[in-house]
Amino acid sequence: MKLSQNQSAPLFNTLDIWQNTVSLQHQQGYKIYLAFMRNAGCPVCNLRVHELLQKADHFAKHNIKVWLVYESTQAKMKEYLSQQSYPFTFIADPENKLYHLYSVERSTGKVLKSIFNGILGKTMKGQKLYKEKISQDGHTNTIPADFLIDEKGRLQIVHYGTYIGDHLAIEQLH
C-alpha cells in the first residue's frame, strides 16, 4: 500500500555502499530527501543525480540530507561512483527491501508512458554524463519514488512517479 503525507516514515537501518550505517531513526533534527532510483546503469537516473549535485548547496542551506537508493549491487554502485566523493548517501538495495518498505512500484505501463514524457531526451543527456559506460542491473520496470521526511520523521512530501524520470521538483525540497 502506498504511503501518504503526514504519516510516520517507515524506519530502517542499513549500510550505505561504503559500509557506513544509515539509520532513519537517528536522523532527527535533519530533513531527509529519500529518492528511490532505478539502477546505476539507468541514464535517466544518472541525469537526476547530476541535477541534484548542481543543487547540493540548496540541500545544505535547508538542512536536508540526500539519500539515494538503487536496485544495484554495492559493487555496481562503486563502479558507477568511481571512488569519487559525493555530498549524498548512496544505498545499494538489490534485494528491494527498502523498495518494498516504501511501496515503490514496478509498472510496464508507466515505462511505456515514459516515451511520451521525454524519456529519449533524458536518456541521451544522462548517457553523455557517464564517465564510463555502466551496464544496468536492476528491474527494467521500476518507477522512481521520492519522499521528503521532516525533522520529526514524518512524511512531509510523498511522490510516486507516473513514468521513468518523474521526480519531485528540486524547488519543492526545502
Protein backbone atom coordinates (compact mmCIF):
# COMPACT_ATOMS: atom_id res chain seq x y z
CA MET A 1 0.00 0.00 0.00
CA LYS A 2 1.35 3.41 -0.96
CA LEU A 3 2.47 5.73 1.81
CA SER A 4 0.82 9.09 2.36
CA GLN A 5 1.75 12.57 3.50
CA ASN A 6 1.91 13.22 7.27
CA GLN A 7 2.30 9.58 8.28
CA SER A 8 5.45 8.43 10.07
CA ALA A 9 8.16 7.39 7.67
CA PRO A 10 8.87 3.65 7.84
CA LEU A 11 12.06 3.27 9.87
CA PHE A 12 15.04 1.32 8.64
CA ASN A 13 18.67 0.61 9.40
CA THR A 14 21.02 -0.32 6.59
CA LEU A 15 24.51 0.34 5.28
CA ASP A 16 25.49 2.71 2.52
CA ILE A 17 27.78 1.49 -0.25
CA TRP A 18 30.85 2.42 1.83
CA GLN A 19 29.59 0.34 4.80
CA ASN A 20 28.54 3.34 6.91
CA THR A 21 25.38 2.90 8.98
CA VAL A 22 22.29 4.65 7.63
CA SER A 23 19.52 4.84 10.20
CA LEU A 24 16.37 6.85 9.73
CA GLN A 25 15.53 6.84 13.46
CA HIS A 26 18.86 8.54 14.27
CA GLN A 27 18.33 11.47 11.87
CA GLN A 28 16.00 13.62 13.93
CA GLY A 29 16.90 17.25 13.51
CA TYR A 30 17.51 16.83 9.78
CA LYS A 31 15.22 16.54 6.84
CA ILE A 32 15.86 13.57 4.59
CA TYR A 33 15.23 13.55 0.87
CA LEU A 34 14.86 9.82 0.22
CA ALA A 35 14.83 9.04 -3.50
CA PHE A 36 14.34 5.61 -4.99
CA MET A 37 16.20 5.41 -8.27
CA ARG A 38 16.29 2.52 -10.70
CA ASN A 39 19.87 1.27 -11.07
CA ALA A 40 23.39 2.59 -11.59
CA GLY A 41 23.23 1.97 -15.34
CA CYS A 42 19.99 3.94 -15.80
CA PRO A 43 20.92 7.09 -17.78
CA VAL A 44 17.77 8.91 -16.63
CA CYS A 45 18.78 8.29 -13.00
CA ASN A 46 22.30 9.47 -13.82
CA LEU A 47 20.84 12.70 -15.20
CA ARG A 48 18.82 13.15 -11.99
CA VAL A 49 21.91 12.67 -9.81
CA HIS A 50 23.73 15.35 -11.80
CA GLU A 51 20.76 17.70 -11.36
CA LEU A 52 20.85 17.05 -7.61
CA LEU A 53 24.61 17.62 -7.48
CA GLN A 54 24.12 21.05 -9.05
CA LYS A 55 21.81 21.88 -6.13
CA ALA A 56 23.97 20.48 -3.31
CA ASP A 57 24.23 23.96 -1.75
CA HIS A 58 20.42 24.20 -1.72
CA PHE A 59 20.20 20.98 0.31
CA ALA A 60 22.88 22.12 2.75
CA LYS A 61 21.19 25.50 3.18
CA HIS A 62 17.86 23.81 4.00
CA ASN A 63 19.41 21.21 6.34
CA ILE A 64 18.42 18.33 4.03
CA LYS A 65 20.39 15.10 3.76
CA VAL A 66 20.07 13.36 0.40
CA TRP A 67 19.79 9.56 0.44
CA LEU A 68 19.62 7.79 -2.92
CA VAL A 69 18.52 4.14 -3.05
CA TYR A 70 19.39 1.96 -6.04
CA GLU A 71 18.47 -1.58 -7.06
CA SER A 72 22.11 -2.11 -7.99
CA THR A 73 24.65 -4.15 -6.08
CA GLN A 74 27.24 -2.48 -3.90
CA ALA A 75 29.95 -3.40 -6.43
CA LYS A 76 27.96 -1.87 -9.31
CA MET A 77 27.38 1.30 -7.27
CA LYS A 78 31.10 1.65 -6.56
CA GLU A 79 31.79 1.18 -10.27
CA TYR A 80 29.24 3.92 -11.02
CA LEU A 81 30.63 6.39 -8.48
CA SER A 82 34.26 5.70 -9.46
CA GLN A 83 35.56 6.15 -5.90
CA GLN A 84 34.73 9.87 -6.08
CA SER A 85 33.39 11.79 -3.11
CA TYR A 86 29.76 12.95 -3.20
CA PRO A 87 27.74 15.01 -0.69
CA PHE A 88 24.97 12.37 -0.75
CA THR A 89 24.42 8.93 0.75
CA PHE A 90 24.13 6.08 -1.77
CA ILE A 91 22.39 2.88 -0.71
CA ALA A 92 22.52 -0.38 -2.68
CA ASP A 93 19.32 -2.39 -2.30
CA PRO A 94 19.45 -5.20 -4.88
CA GLU A 95 17.05 -7.30 -2.81
CA ASN A 96 14.48 -4.45 -2.91
CA LYS A 97 13.88 -4.46 0.87
CA LEU A 98 13.59 -0.67 1.08
CA TYR A 99 11.65 -0.54 -2.17
CA HIS A 100 9.04 -2.86 -0.64
CA LEU A 101 9.06 -0.97 2.67
CA TYR A 102 8.23 2.26 0.82
CA SER A 103 5.87 0.60 -1.70
CA VAL A 104 7.91 1.59 -4.75
CA GLU A 105 6.15 0.27 -7.79
CA ARG A 106 7.05 -1.61 -10.92
CA SER A 107 4.89 -0.93 -13.95
CA THR A 108 5.40 -1.77 -17.60
CA GLY A 109 2.55 0.61 -18.48
CA LYS A 110 4.31 3.52 -16.78
CA VAL A 111 7.55 2.58 -18.55
CA LEU A 112 5.70 2.88 -21.87
CA LYS A 113 4.15 6.18 -20.71
CA SER A 114 7.73 7.47 -20.32
CA ILE A 115 8.04 7.63 -24.11
CA PHE A 116 5.50 10.46 -24.12
CA ASN A 117 7.26 12.28 -21.27
CA GLY A 118 10.70 12.95 -22.71
CA ILE A 119 12.46 9.69 -21.84
CA LEU A 120 14.50 9.65 -25.05
CA GLY A 121 15.96 13.12 -24.50
CA LYS A 122 16.65 12.41 -20.82
CA THR A 123 18.29 9.11 -21.76
CA MET A 124 20.61 10.79 -24.25
CA LYS A 125 21.55 13.55 -21.78
CA GLY A 126 22.15 11.04 -18.98
CA GLN A 127 24.30 8.77 -21.17
CA LYS A 128 26.60 11.68 -22.01
CA LEU A 129 27.22 12.31 -18.29
CA TYR A 130 28.69 8.86 -17.55
CA LYS A 131 32.45 8.76 -17.15
CA GLU A 132 32.35 5.13 -18.32
CA LYS A 133 29.51 3.04 -19.69
CA ILE A 134 27.73 1.11 -16.92
CA SER A 135 25.50 -1.89 -17.58
CA GLN A 136 22.06 -1.97 -15.99
CA ASP A 137 21.46 -4.49 -13.22
CA GLY A 138 18.01 -3.70 -11.83
CA HIS A 139 14.46 -4.25 -12.96
CA THR A 140 13.52 -2.56 -16.22
CA ASN A 141 10.08 -1.54 -14.96
CA THR A 142 10.87 0.13 -11.62
CA ILE A 143 9.25 3.55 -11.35
CA PRO A 144 11.00 6.17 -9.17
CA ALA A 145 9.58 7.48 -5.91
CA ASP A 146 10.62 10.45 -3.76
CA PHE A 147 9.96 11.27 -0.12
CA LEU A 148 10.80 14.32 1.96
CA ILE A 149 10.92 13.30 5.60
CA ASP A 150 10.76 16.11 8.15
CA GLU A 151 12.90 16.54 11.25
CA LYS A 152 10.44 14.52 13.33
CA GLY A 153 10.34 11.53 10.99
CA ARG A 154 7.04 12.30 9.25
CA LEU A 155 6.48 12.18 5.51
CA GLN A 156 6.26 15.83 4.52
CA ILE A 157 6.06 15.09 0.77
CA VAL A 158 5.25 11.77 -0.92
CA HIS A 159 5.75 11.45 -4.67
CA TYR A 160 5.28 8.23 -6.59
CA GLY A 161 6.43 8.70 -10.17
CA THR A 162 3.98 8.27 -13.02
CA TYR A 163 6.77 7.43 -15.51
CA ILE A 164 10.56 6.95 -15.58
CA GLY A 165 12.19 10.27 -14.77
CA ASP A 166 9.20 11.66 -12.85
CA HIS A 167 10.76 13.08 -9.67
CA LEU A 168 9.90 15.86 -7.27
CA ALA A 169 10.95 19.28 -8.46
CA ILE A 170 14.05 20.32 -6.52
CA GLU A 171 12.31 23.61 -5.68
CA GLN A 172 9.78 21.64 -3.61
CA LEU A 173 12.54 20.32 -1.40
CA HIS A 174 13.03 22.82 1.41
